[in-house]
Structures are given as C-alpha cells and as structure tokens.
PDB file of N, CA and C in Angstrom:
ATOM      1  N   GLY A   1       6.984 -63.827 -24.736  1.00  0.00           N
ATOM      2  CA  GLY A   1       6.325 -64.947 -25.330  1.00  0.00           C
ATOM      3  C   GLY A   1       4.939 -64.554 -25.803  1.00  0.00           C
ATOM      4  N   ILE A   2       4.311 -65.457 -26.459  1.00  0.00           N
ATOM      5  CA  ILE A   2       2.948 -65.273 -26.944  1.00  0.00           C
ATOM      6  C   ILE A   2       2.047 -66.208 -26.163  1.00  0.00           C
ATOM      7  N   TYR A   3       0.967 -65.653 -25.657  1.00  0.00           N
ATOM      8  CA  TYR A   3       0.002 -66.446 -24.916  1.00  0.00           C
ATOM      9  C   TYR A   3      -1.345 -66.333 -25.603  1.00  0.00           C
ATOM     10  N   LEU A   4      -1.968 -67.460 -25.841  1.00  0.00           N
ATOM     11  CA  LEU A   4      -3.306 -67.480 -26.414  1.00  0.00           C
ATOM     12  C   LEU A   4      -4.253 -68.045 -25.369  1.00  0.00           C
ATOM     13  N   LEU A   5      -5.239 -67.276 -24.997  1.00  0.00           N
ATOM     14  CA  LEU A   5      -6.202 -67.721 -24.008  1.00  0.00           C
ATOM     15  C   LEU A   5      -7.340 -68.443 -24.698  1.00  0.00           C
ATOM     16  N   GLU A   6      -7.946 -69.383 -23.993  1.00  0.00           N
ATOM     17  CA  GLU A   6      -8.987 -70.224 -24.575  1.00  0.00           C
ATOM     18  C   GLU A   6     -10.155 -69.408 -25.122  1.00  0.00           C
ATOM     19  N   ASP A   7     -10.551 -68.361 -24.449  1.00  0.00           N
ATOM     20  CA  ASP A   7     -11.706 -67.574 -24.874  1.00  0.00           C
ATOM     21  C   ASP A   7     -11.330 -66.379 -25.753  1.00  0.00           C
ATOM     22  N   THR A   8     -10.081 -66.261 -26.099  1.00  0.00           N
ATOM     23  CA  THR A   8      -9.619 -65.123 -26.877  1.00  0.00           C
ATOM     24  C   THR A   8      -9.404 -65.544 -28.324  1.00  0.00           C
ATOM     25  N   VAL A   9      -9.893 -64.711 -29.243  1.00  0.00           N
ATOM     26  CA  VAL A   9      -9.693 -64.968 -30.661  1.00  0.00           C
ATOM     27  C   VAL A   9      -8.534 -64.104 -31.136  1.00  0.00           C
ATOM     28  N   CYS A  10      -7.634 -64.713 -31.855  1.00  0.00           N
ATOM     29  CA  CYS A  10      -6.483 -64.000 -32.393  1.00  0.00           C
ATOM     30  C   CYS A  10      -6.560 -64.059 -33.917  1.00  0.00           C
ATOM     31  N   THR A  11      -6.474 -62.913 -34.560  1.00  0.00           N
ATOM     32  CA  THR A  11      -6.493 -62.864 -36.015  1.00  0.00           C
ATOM     33  C   THR A  11      -5.091 -62.544 -36.511  1.00  0.00           C
ATOM     34  N   VAL A  12      -4.602 -63.385 -37.407  1.00  0.00           N
ATOM     35  CA  VAL A  12      -3.287 -63.205 -38.003  1.00  0.00           C
ATOM     36  C   VAL A  12      -3.484 -62.851 -39.469  1.00  0.00           C
ATOM     37  N   VAL A  13      -2.812 -61.811 -39.921  1.00  0.00           N
ATOM     38  CA  VAL A  13      -2.876 -61.418 -41.328  1.00  0.00           C
ATOM     39  C   VAL A  13      -1.467 -61.509 -41.904  1.00  0.00           C
ATOM     40  N   LEU A  14      -1.340 -62.280 -42.973  1.00  0.00           N
ATOM     41  CA  LEU A  14      -0.063 -62.448 -43.656  1.00  0.00           C
ATOM     42  C   LEU A  14      -0.172 -61.828 -45.039  1.00  0.00           C
ATOM     43  N   GLN A  15       0.908 -61.211 -45.493  1.00  0.00           N
ATOM     44  CA  GLN A  15       0.914 -60.606 -46.819  1.00  0.00           C
ATOM     45  C   GLN A  15       2.224 -60.947 -47.508  1.00  0.00           C
ATOM     46  N   ALA A  16       2.134 -61.331 -48.777  1.00  0.00           N
ATOM     47  CA  ALA A  16       3.324 -61.596 -49.585  1.00  0.00           C
ATOM     48  C   ALA A  16       3.148 -60.912 -50.931  1.00  0.00           C
ATOM     49  N   ILE A  17       4.221 -60.295 -51.404  1.00  0.00           N
ATOM     50  CA  ILE A  17       4.209 -59.652 -52.715  1.00  0.00           C
ATOM     51  C   ILE A  17       5.293 -60.311 -53.560  1.00  0.00           C
ATOM     52  N   ASN A  18       4.891 -60.805 -54.732  1.00  0.00           N
ATOM     53  CA  ASN A  18       5.822 -61.470 -55.635  1.00  0.00           C
ATOM     54  C   ASN A  18       5.652 -60.928 -57.038  1.00  0.00           C
ATOM     55  N   SER A  19       6.747 -60.902 -57.784  1.00  0.00           N
ATOM     56  CA  SER A  19       6.624 -60.562 -59.197  1.00  0.00           C
ATOM     57  C   SER A  19       6.265 -61.837 -59.952  1.00  0.00           C
ATOM     58  N   VAL A  20       5.494 -61.650 -61.019  1.00  0.00           N
ATOM     59  CA  VAL A  20       5.001 -62.774 -61.806  1.00  0.00           C
ATOM     60  C   VAL A  20       5.307 -62.488 -63.265  1.00  0.00           C
ATOM     61  N   SER A  21       5.661 -63.516 -63.987  1.00  0.00           N
ATOM     62  CA  SER A  21       5.880 -63.357 -65.418  1.00  0.00           C
ATOM     63  C   SER A  21       4.578 -62.922 -66.076  1.00  0.00           C
ATOM     64  N   PRO A  22       4.615 -61.886 -66.898  1.00  0.00           N
ATOM     65  CA  PRO A  22       3.382 -61.429 -67.564  1.00  0.00           C
ATOM     66  C   PRO A  22       2.692 -62.537 -68.364  1.00  0.00           C
ATOM     67  N   THR A  23       3.468 -63.517 -68.817  1.00  0.00           N
ATOM     68  CA  THR A  23       2.874 -64.606 -69.600  1.00  0.00           C
ATOM     69  C   THR A  23       2.105 -65.600 -68.738  1.00  0.00           C
ATOM     70  N   THR A  24       2.314 -65.582 -67.421  1.00  0.00           N
ATOM     71  CA  THR A  24       1.616 -66.533 -66.549  1.00  0.00           C
ATOM     72  C   THR A  24       0.474 -65.909 -65.755  1.00  0.00           C
ATOM     73  N   VAL A  25       0.244 -64.613 -65.934  1.00  0.00           N
ATOM     74  CA  VAL A  25      -0.802 -63.928 -65.166  1.00  0.00           C
ATOM     75  C   VAL A  25      -2.173 -64.536 -65.435  1.00  0.00           C
ATOM     76  N   ASP A  26      -2.501 -64.802 -66.700  1.00  0.00           N
ATOM     77  CA  ASP A  26      -3.812 -65.373 -67.027  1.00  0.00           C
ATOM     78  C   ASP A  26      -4.008 -66.733 -66.374  1.00  0.00           C
ATOM     79  N   LYS A  27      -2.963 -67.555 -66.380  1.00  0.00           N
ATOM     80  CA  LYS A  27      -3.042 -68.878 -65.751  1.00  0.00           C
ATOM     81  C   LYS A  27      -3.266 -68.737 -64.239  1.00  0.00           C
ATOM     82  N   PHE A  28      -2.568 -67.791 -63.624  1.00  0.00           N
ATOM     83  CA  PHE A  28      -2.736 -67.567 -62.190  1.00  0.00           C
ATOM     84  C   PHE A  28      -4.142 -67.066 -61.880  1.00  0.00           C
ATOM     85  N   GLN A  29      -4.651 -66.139 -62.695  1.00  0.00           N
ATOM     86  CA  GLN A  29      -6.006 -65.627 -62.481  1.00  0.00           C
ATOM     87  C   GLN A  29      -7.040 -66.743 -62.621  1.00  0.00           C
ATOM     88  N   ALA A  30      -6.823 -67.665 -63.551  1.00  0.00           N
ATOM     89  CA  ALA A  30      -7.738 -68.803 -63.707  1.00  0.00           C
ATOM     90  C   ALA A  30      -7.694 -69.688 -62.462  1.00  0.00           C
ATOM     91  N   PHE A  31      -6.497 -69.877 -61.897  1.00  0.00           N
ATOM     92  CA  PHE A  31      -6.377 -70.673 -60.677  1.00  0.00           C
ATOM     93  C   PHE A  31      -7.101 -69.995 -59.515  1.00  0.00           C
ATOM     94  N   VAL A  32      -6.948 -68.684 -59.384  1.00  0.00           N
ATOM     95  CA  VAL A  32      -7.633 -67.942 -58.319  1.00  0.00           C
ATOM     96  C   VAL A  32      -9.143 -68.064 -58.490  1.00  0.00           C
ATOM     97  N   GLN A  33      -9.618 -67.951 -59.726  1.00  0.00           N
ATOM     98  CA  GLN A  33     -11.055 -68.088 -59.997  1.00  0.00           C
ATOM     99  C   GLN A  33     -11.549 -69.469 -59.573  1.00  0.00           C
ATOM    100  N   GLU A  34     -10.788 -70.505 -59.934  1.00  0.00           N
ATOM    101  CA  GLU A  34     -11.164 -71.869 -59.547  1.00  0.00           C
ATOM    102  C   GLU A  34     -11.120 -72.029 -58.026  1.00  0.00           C
ATOM    103  N   LEU A  35     -10.123 -71.451 -57.407  1.00  0.00           N
ATOM    104  CA  LEU A  35      -9.959 -71.544 -55.958  1.00  0.00           C
ATOM    105  C   LEU A  35     -11.119 -70.889 -55.220  1.00  0.00           C
ATOM    106  N   THR A  36     -11.625 -69.797 -55.749  1.00  0.00           N
ATOM    107  CA  THR A  36     -12.687 -69.063 -55.061  1.00  0.00           C
ATOM    108  C   THR A  36     -14.086 -69.578 -55.378  1.00  0.00           C
ATOM    109  N   THR A  37     -14.221 -70.418 -56.402  1.00  0.00           N
ATOM    110  CA  THR A  37     -15.552 -70.896 -56.781  1.00  0.00           C
ATOM    111  C   THR A  37     -15.743 -72.395 -56.591  1.00  0.00           C
ATOM    112  N   SER A  38     -14.689 -73.124 -56.289  1.00  0.00           N
ATOM    113  CA  SER A  38     -14.781 -74.580 -56.157  1.00  0.00           C
ATOM    114  C   SER A  38     -14.828 -74.996 -54.696  1.00  0.00           C
ATOM    115  N   ASP A  39     -15.276 -76.222 -54.471  1.00  0.00           N
ATOM    116  CA  ASP A  39     -15.227 -76.809 -53.136  1.00  0.00           C
ATOM    117  C   ASP A  39     -13.761 -77.099 -52.813  1.00  0.00           C
ATOM    118  N   PRO A  40     -13.222 -76.534 -51.739  1.00  0.00           N
ATOM    119  CA  PRO A  40     -11.791 -76.689 -51.440  1.00  0.00           C
ATOM    120  C   PRO A  40     -11.343 -78.143 -51.289  1.00  0.00           C
ATOM    121  N   GLU A  41     -12.164 -78.983 -50.676  1.00  0.00           N
ATOM    122  CA  GLU A  41     -11.771 -80.379 -50.486  1.00  0.00           C
ATOM    123  C   GLU A  41     -11.665 -81.109 -51.820  1.00  0.00           C
ATOM    124  N   GLU A  42     -12.613 -80.868 -52.726  1.00  0.00           N
ATOM    125  CA  GLU A  42     -12.553 -81.477 -54.053  1.00  0.00           C
ATOM    126  C   GLU A  42     -11.365 -80.940 -54.839  1.00  0.00           C
ATOM    127  N   LEU A  43     -11.093 -79.666 -54.667  1.00  0.00           N
ATOM    128  CA  LEU A  43      -9.988 -79.042 -55.387  1.00  0.00           C
ATOM    129  C   LEU A  43      -8.646 -79.616 -54.939  1.00  0.00           C
ATOM    130  N   VAL A  44      -8.499 -79.944 -53.669  1.00  0.00           N
ATOM    131  CA  VAL A  44      -7.263 -80.569 -53.188  1.00  0.00           C
ATOM    132  C   VAL A  44      -7.031 -81.881 -53.923  1.00  0.00           C
ATOM    133  N   ILE A  45      -8.068 -82.691 -54.031  1.00  0.00           N
ATOM    134  CA  ILE A  45      -7.939 -83.985 -54.707  1.00  0.00           C
ATOM    135  C   ILE A  45      -7.570 -83.781 -56.174  1.00  0.00           C
ATOM    136  N   ARG A  46      -8.272 -82.861 -56.850  1.00  0.00           N
ATOM    137  CA  ARG A  46      -7.965 -82.592 -58.264  1.00  0.00           C
ATOM    138  C   ARG A  46      -6.537 -82.084 -58.429  1.00  0.00           C
ATOM    139  N   GLN A  47      -6.112 -81.230 -57.518  1.00  0.00           N
ATOM    140  CA  GLN A  47      -4.770 -80.658 -57.614  1.00  0.00           C
ATOM    141  C   GLN A  47      -3.707 -81.730 -57.371  1.00  0.00           C
ATOM    142  N   LEU A  48      -3.947 -82.631 -56.418  1.00  0.00           N
ATOM    143  CA  LEU A  48      -3.009 -83.733 -56.178  1.00  0.00           C
ATOM    144  C   LEU A  48      -2.895 -84.621 -57.408  1.00  0.00           C
ATOM    145  N   GLU A  49      -4.036 -84.922 -58.036  1.00  0.00           N
ATOM    146  CA  GLU A  49      -4.025 -85.739 -59.249  1.00  0.00           C
ATOM    147  C   GLU A  49      -3.288 -85.023 -60.377  1.00  0.00           C
ATOM    148  N   LYS A  50      -3.545 -83.739 -60.519  1.00  0.00           N
ATOM    149  CA  LYS A  50      -2.894 -82.943 -61.565  1.00  0.00           C
ATOM    150  C   LYS A  50      -1.379 -82.912 -61.358  1.00  0.00           C
ATOM    151  N   ASN A  51      -0.945 -82.732 -60.112  1.00  0.00           N
ATOM    152  CA  ASN A  51       0.488 -82.701 -59.813  1.00  0.00           C
ATOM    153  C   ASN A  51       1.142 -84.052 -60.063  1.00  0.00           C
ATOM    154  N   ALA A  52       0.418 -85.139 -59.785  1.00  0.00           N
ATOM    155  CA  ALA A  52       0.958 -86.476 -60.021  1.00  0.00           C
ATOM    156  C   ALA A  52       1.140 -86.733 -61.519  1.00  0.00           C
ATOM    157  N   GLU A  53       0.239 -86.184 -62.330  1.00  0.00           N
ATOM    158  CA  GLU A  53       0.324 -86.363 -63.780  1.00  0.00           C
ATOM    159  C   GLU A  53       1.440 -85.529 -64.397  1.00  0.00           C
ATOM    160  N   ASP A  54       1.705 -84.358 -63.846  1.00  0.00           N
ATOM    161  CA  ASP A  54       2.703 -83.444 -64.408  1.00  0.00           C
ATOM    162  C   ASP A  54       3.831 -83.244 -63.409  1.00  0.00           C
ATOM    163  N   GLU A  55       4.829 -84.112 -63.481  1.00  0.00           N
ATOM    164  CA  GLU A  55       5.917 -84.033 -62.513  1.00  0.00           C
ATOM    165  C   GLU A  55       6.849 -82.847 -62.765  1.00  0.00           C
ATOM    166  N   ASN A  56       6.681 -82.150 -63.881  1.00  0.00           N
ATOM    167  CA  ASN A  56       7.483 -80.959 -64.167  1.00  0.00           C
ATOM    168  C   ASN A  56       6.819 -79.674 -63.678  1.00  0.00           C
ATOM    169  N   SER A  57       5.651 -79.796 -63.076  1.00  0.00           N
ATOM    170  CA  SER A  57       4.926 -78.620 -62.597  1.00  0.00           C
ATOM    171  C   SER A  57       5.692 -77.963 -61.453  1.00  0.00           C
ATOM    172  N   HIS A  58       5.742 -76.623 -61.482  1.00  0.00           N
ATOM    173  CA  HIS A  58       6.457 -75.886 -60.438  1.00  0.00           C
ATOM    174  C   HIS A  58       5.516 -75.196 -59.460  1.00  0.00           C
ATOM    175  N   ALA A  59       4.223 -75.206 -59.736  1.00  0.00           N
ATOM    176  CA  ALA A  59       3.261 -74.505 -58.884  1.00  0.00           C
ATOM    177  C   ALA A  59       2.116 -75.444 -58.541  1.00  0.00           C
ATOM    178  N   SER A  60       2.157 -76.005 -57.344  1.00  0.00           N
ATOM    179  CA  SER A  60       1.135 -76.977 -56.965  1.00  0.00           C
ATOM    180  C   SER A  60      -0.139 -76.326 -56.465  1.00  0.00           C
ATOM    181  N   GLY A  61      -0.033 -75.150 -55.820  1.00  0.00           N
ATOM    182  CA  GLY A  61      -1.206 -74.509 -55.247  1.00  0.00           C
ATOM    183  C   GLY A  61      -1.677 -75.165 -53.967  1.00  0.00           C
ATOM    184  N   LEU A  62      -0.980 -76.194 -53.526  1.00  0.00           N
ATOM    185  CA  LEU A  62      -1.428 -76.928 -52.343  1.00  0.00           C
ATOM    186  C   LEU A  62      -1.249 -76.130 -51.054  1.00  0.00           C
ATOM    187  N   GLY A  63      -0.311 -75.213 -51.017  1.00  0.00           N
ATOM    188  CA  GLY A  63      -0.133 -74.393 -49.819  1.00  0.00           C
ATOM    189  C   GLY A  63      -1.367 -73.555 -49.535  1.00  0.00           C
ATOM    190  N   LEU A  64      -1.884 -72.905 -50.570  1.00  0.00           N
ATOM    191  CA  LEU A  64      -3.097 -72.102 -50.409  1.00  0.00           C
ATOM    192  C   LEU A  64      -4.282 -72.985 -50.039  1.00  0.00           C
ATOM    193  N   LEU A  65      -4.401 -74.118 -50.707  1.00  0.00           N
ATOM    194  CA  LEU A  65      -5.517 -75.027 -50.417  1.00  0.00           C
ATOM    195  C   LEU A  65      -5.448 -75.571 -48.993  1.00  0.00           C
ATOM    196  N   THR A  66      -4.248 -75.859 -48.520  1.00  0.00           N
ATOM    197  CA  THR A  66      -4.085 -76.347 -47.149  1.00  0.00           C
ATOM    198  C   THR A  66      -4.523 -75.287 -46.146  1.00  0.00           C
ATOM    199  N   MET A  67      -4.158 -74.034 -46.400  1.00  0.00           N
ATOM    200  CA  MET A  67      -4.583 -72.963 -45.488  1.00  0.00           C
ATOM    201  C   MET A  67      -6.104 -72.838 -45.462  1.00  0.00           C
ATOM    202  N   ILE A  68      -6.737 -72.970 -46.614  1.00  0.00           N
ATOM    203  CA  ILE A  68      -8.196 -72.868 -46.677  1.00  0.00           C
ATOM    204  C   ILE A  68      -8.845 -74.050 -45.979  1.00  0.00           C
ATOM    205  N   ASN A  69      -8.387 -75.268 -46.279  1.00  0.00           N
ATOM    206  CA  ASN A  69      -9.004 -76.469 -45.718  1.00  0.00           C
ATOM    207  C   ASN A  69      -8.717 -76.652 -44.236  1.00  0.00           C
ATOM    208  N   ASP A  70      -7.473 -76.508 -43.847  1.00  0.00           N
ATOM    209  CA  ASP A  70      -7.080 -76.820 -42.472  1.00  0.00           C
ATOM    210  C   ASP A  70      -7.298 -75.661 -41.502  1.00  0.00           C
ATOM    211  N   TRP A  71      -7.180 -74.432 -41.988  1.00  0.00           N
ATOM    212  CA  TRP A  71      -7.233 -73.272 -41.108  1.00  0.00           C
ATOM    213  C   TRP A  71      -8.412 -72.352 -41.384  1.00  0.00           C
ATOM    214  N   LYS A  72      -9.239 -72.705 -42.377  1.00  0.00           N
ATOM    215  CA  LYS A  72     -10.394 -71.861 -42.764  1.00  0.00           C
ATOM    216  C   LYS A  72      -9.941 -70.432 -43.075  1.00  0.00           C
ATOM    217  N   ALA A  73      -8.792 -70.343 -43.731  1.00  0.00           N
ATOM    218  CA  ALA A  73      -8.217 -69.040 -44.070  1.00  0.00           C
ATOM    219  C   ALA A  73      -9.062 -68.326 -45.115  1.00  0.00           C
ATOM    220  N   LYS A  74      -9.043 -67.013 -45.033  1.00  0.00           N
ATOM    221  CA  LYS A  74      -9.645 -66.165 -46.059  1.00  0.00           C
ATOM    222  C   LYS A  74      -8.491 -65.561 -46.846  1.00  0.00           C
ATOM    223  N   LEU A  75      -8.590 -65.624 -48.167  1.00  0.00           N
ATOM    224  CA  LEU A  75      -7.516 -65.140 -49.018  1.00  0.00           C
ATOM    225  C   LEU A  75      -8.000 -64.042 -49.940  1.00  0.00           C
ATOM    226  N   GLY A  76      -7.088 -63.168 -50.304  1.00  0.00           N
ATOM    227  CA  GLY A  76      -7.381 -62.114 -51.267  1.00  0.00           C
ATOM    228  C   GLY A  76      -6.140 -61.815 -52.088  1.00  0.00           C
ATOM    229  N   TRP A  77      -6.351 -61.308 -53.298  1.00  0.00           N
ATOM    230  CA  TRP A  77      -5.239 -61.030 -54.199  1.00  0.00           C
ATOM    231  C   TRP A  77      -5.395 -59.670 -54.850  1.00  0.00           C
ATOM    232  N   LYS A  78      -4.272 -59.069 -55.159  1.00  0.00           N
ATOM    233  CA  LYS A  78      -4.243 -57.862 -55.984  1.00  0.00           C
ATOM    234  C   LYS A  78      -3.155 -58.091 -57.026  1.00  0.00           C
ATOM    235  N   ILE A  79      -3.545 -57.980 -58.286  1.00  0.00           N
ATOM    236  CA  ILE A  79      -2.605 -58.150 -59.390  1.00  0.00           C
ATOM    237  C   ILE A  79      -2.470 -56.796 -60.071  1.00  0.00           C
ATOM    238  N   GLU A  80      -1.230 -56.323 -60.192  1.00  0.00           N
ATOM    239  CA  GLU A  80      -1.053 -55.021 -60.826  1.00  0.00           C
ATOM    240  C   GLU A  80       0.231 -54.970 -61.645  1.00  0.00           C
ATOM    241  N   THR A  81       0.152 -54.228 -62.727  1.00  0.00           N
ATOM    242  CA  THR A  81       1.327 -53.956 -63.544  1.00  0.00           C
ATOM    243  C   THR A  81       1.994 -52.723 -62.956  1.00  0.00           C
ATOM    244  N   ILE A  82       3.233 -52.899 -62.499  1.00  0.00           N
ATOM    245  CA  ILE A  82       3.923 -51.782 -61.850  1.00  0.00           C
ATOM    246  C   ILE A  82       4.922 -51.102 -62.779  1.00  0.00           C
ATOM    247  N   GLN A  83       5.172 -51.733 -63.932  1.00  0.00           N
ATOM    248  CA  GLN A  83       6.095 -51.148 -64.905  1.00  0.00           C
ATOM    249  C   GLN A  83       5.686 -51.639 -66.282  1.00  0.00           C
ATOM    250  N   GLN A  84       5.729 -50.743 -67.276  1.00  0.00           N
ATOM    251  CA  GLN A  84       5.299 -51.096 -68.633  1.00  0.00           C
ATOM    252  C   GLN A  84       6.425 -51.689 -69.484  1.00  0.00           C
ATOM    253  N   GLU A  85       7.597 -51.063 -69.500  1.00  0.00           N
ATOM    254  CA  GLU A  85       8.704 -51.522 -70.354  1.00  0.00           C
ATOM    255  C   GLU A  85       9.962 -51.717 -69.536  1.00  0.00           C
ATOM    256  N   PRO A  86      10.437 -52.914 -69.361  1.00  0.00           N
ATOM    257  CA  PRO A  86       9.725 -54.150 -69.659  1.00  0.00           C
ATOM    258  C   PRO A  86       8.580 -54.333 -68.666  1.00  0.00           C
ATOM    259  N   GLU A  87       7.595 -55.101 -69.072  1.00  0.00           N
ATOM    260  CA  GLU A  87       6.411 -55.280 -68.230  1.00  0.00           C
ATOM    261  C   GLU A  87       6.758 -56.053 -66.959  1.00  0.00           C
ATOM    262  N   VAL A  88       6.372 -55.482 -65.832  1.00  0.00           N
ATOM    263  CA  VAL A  88       6.569 -56.126 -64.535  1.00  0.00           C
ATOM    264  C   VAL A  88       5.214 -56.175 -63.842  1.00  0.00           C
ATOM    265  N   VAL A  89       4.803 -57.382 -63.482  1.00  0.00           N
ATOM    266  CA  VAL A  89       3.517 -57.597 -62.823  1.00  0.00           C
ATOM    267  C   VAL A  89       3.784 -58.145 -61.430  1.00  0.00           C
ATOM    268  N   THR A  90       3.076 -57.604 -60.437  1.00  0.00           N
ATOM    269  CA  THR A  90       3.187 -58.136 -59.083  1.00  0.00           C
ATOM    270  C   THR A  90       1.846 -58.702 -58.635  1.00  0.00           C
ATOM    271  N   VAL A  91       1.941 -59.714 -57.785  1.00  0.00           N
ATOM    272  CA  VAL A  91       0.762 -60.300 -57.156  1.00  0.00           C
ATOM    273  C   VAL A  91       0.935 -60.146 -55.654  1.00  0.00           C
ATOM    274  N   THR A  92      -0.029 -59.487 -55.035  1.00  0.00           N
ATOM    275  CA  THR A  92      -0.060 -59.379 -53.582  1.00  0.00           C
ATOM    276  C   THR A  92      -1.094 -60.372 -53.081  1.00  0.00           C
ATOM    277  N   THR A  93      -0.668 -61.270 -52.211  1.00  0.00           N
ATOM    278  CA  THR A  93      -1.570 -62.249 -51.612  1.00  0.00           C
ATOM    279  C   THR A  93      -1.707 -61.915 -50.133  1.00  0.00           C
ATOM    280  N   VAL A  94      -2.944 -61.832 -49.663  1.00  0.00           N
ATOM    281  CA  VAL A  94      -3.218 -61.570 -48.251  1.00  0.00           C
ATOM    282  C   VAL A  94      -4.001 -62.754 -47.703  1.00  0.00           C
ATOM    283  N   VAL A  95      -3.562 -63.255 -46.556  1.00  0.00           N
ATOM    284  CA  VAL A  95      -4.213 -64.385 -45.901  1.00  0.00           C
ATOM    285  C   VAL A  95      -4.617 -63.955 -44.500  1.00  0.00           C
ATOM    286  N   GLN A  96      -5.863 -64.239 -44.138  1.00  0.00           N
ATOM    287  CA  GLN A  96      -6.349 -63.942 -42.789  1.00  0.00           C
ATOM    288  C   GLN A  96      -6.690 -65.259 -42.106  1.00  0.00           C
ATOM    289  N   LEU A  97      -6.063 -65.481 -40.953  1.00  0.00           N
ATOM    290  CA  LEU A  97      -6.300 -66.681 -40.152  1.00  0.00           C
ATOM    291  C   LEU A  97      -6.836 -66.271 -38.792  1.00  0.00           C
ATOM    292  N   VAL A  98      -7.888 -66.923 -38.363  1.00  0.00           N
ATOM    293  CA  VAL A  98      -8.405 -66.711 -37.017  1.00  0.00           C
ATOM    294  C   VAL A  98      -8.027 -67.946 -36.213  1.00  0.00           C
ATOM    295  N   ILE A  99      -7.228 -67.728 -35.164  1.00  0.00           N
ATOM    296  CA  ILE A  99      -6.776 -68.869 -34.356  1.00  0.00           C
ATOM    297  C   ILE A  99      -7.170 -68.680 -32.906  1.00  0.00           C
TER     298      ILE A  99
END
C-alpha cells in the first residue's frame, strides 16, 4: 500500500506524450501561452464560457486548469517535430504535483 505521513511531502510527476495535428500546433501554443500568463481562476471562467458557446469544441483545457487551480500543479511542455514527411508533431506534457 501507499502511506502518506502528515509531515512528509510527496512529489508526483506525470508525463504524457501525444501526437498533434501540425495544423493545430499554433492554436495549442497560444493556449499554453495564455495558460502560463493568465490568472488560472479567471481562465477557468473564460474557458467554461467559451465551451458553453461552442458545443462542437473537442478540447476544453479544463483538465489542465483544474490541476493548476485545485492542486497547484506545475506544468511544462515540449513540442517537437519527430518526422518531416508526412509531418508528425508530438507534445510532451509534464505535470508536477506536491501532495
């Protein structure tokens, strides 16, 4: 089992690697820029409003925002082109949680 002691800090690091359509990389980078420069609580409200307006949206971004707001998570990204023809782009997302 896992035991967490009251005076002990546990750091969890999660990593996910996904391929991304080359046509959506700029949109994702803009979202990351907004995520790293905006107030997270205000961004949650804006994102909820945006999702309510566009019911066809497939990427809410609320999972990342929830981790930041509720868990004070630190996030980082690496975007790289791993193949030229056809172009294949991957996004590595790393999340650090202190619990």
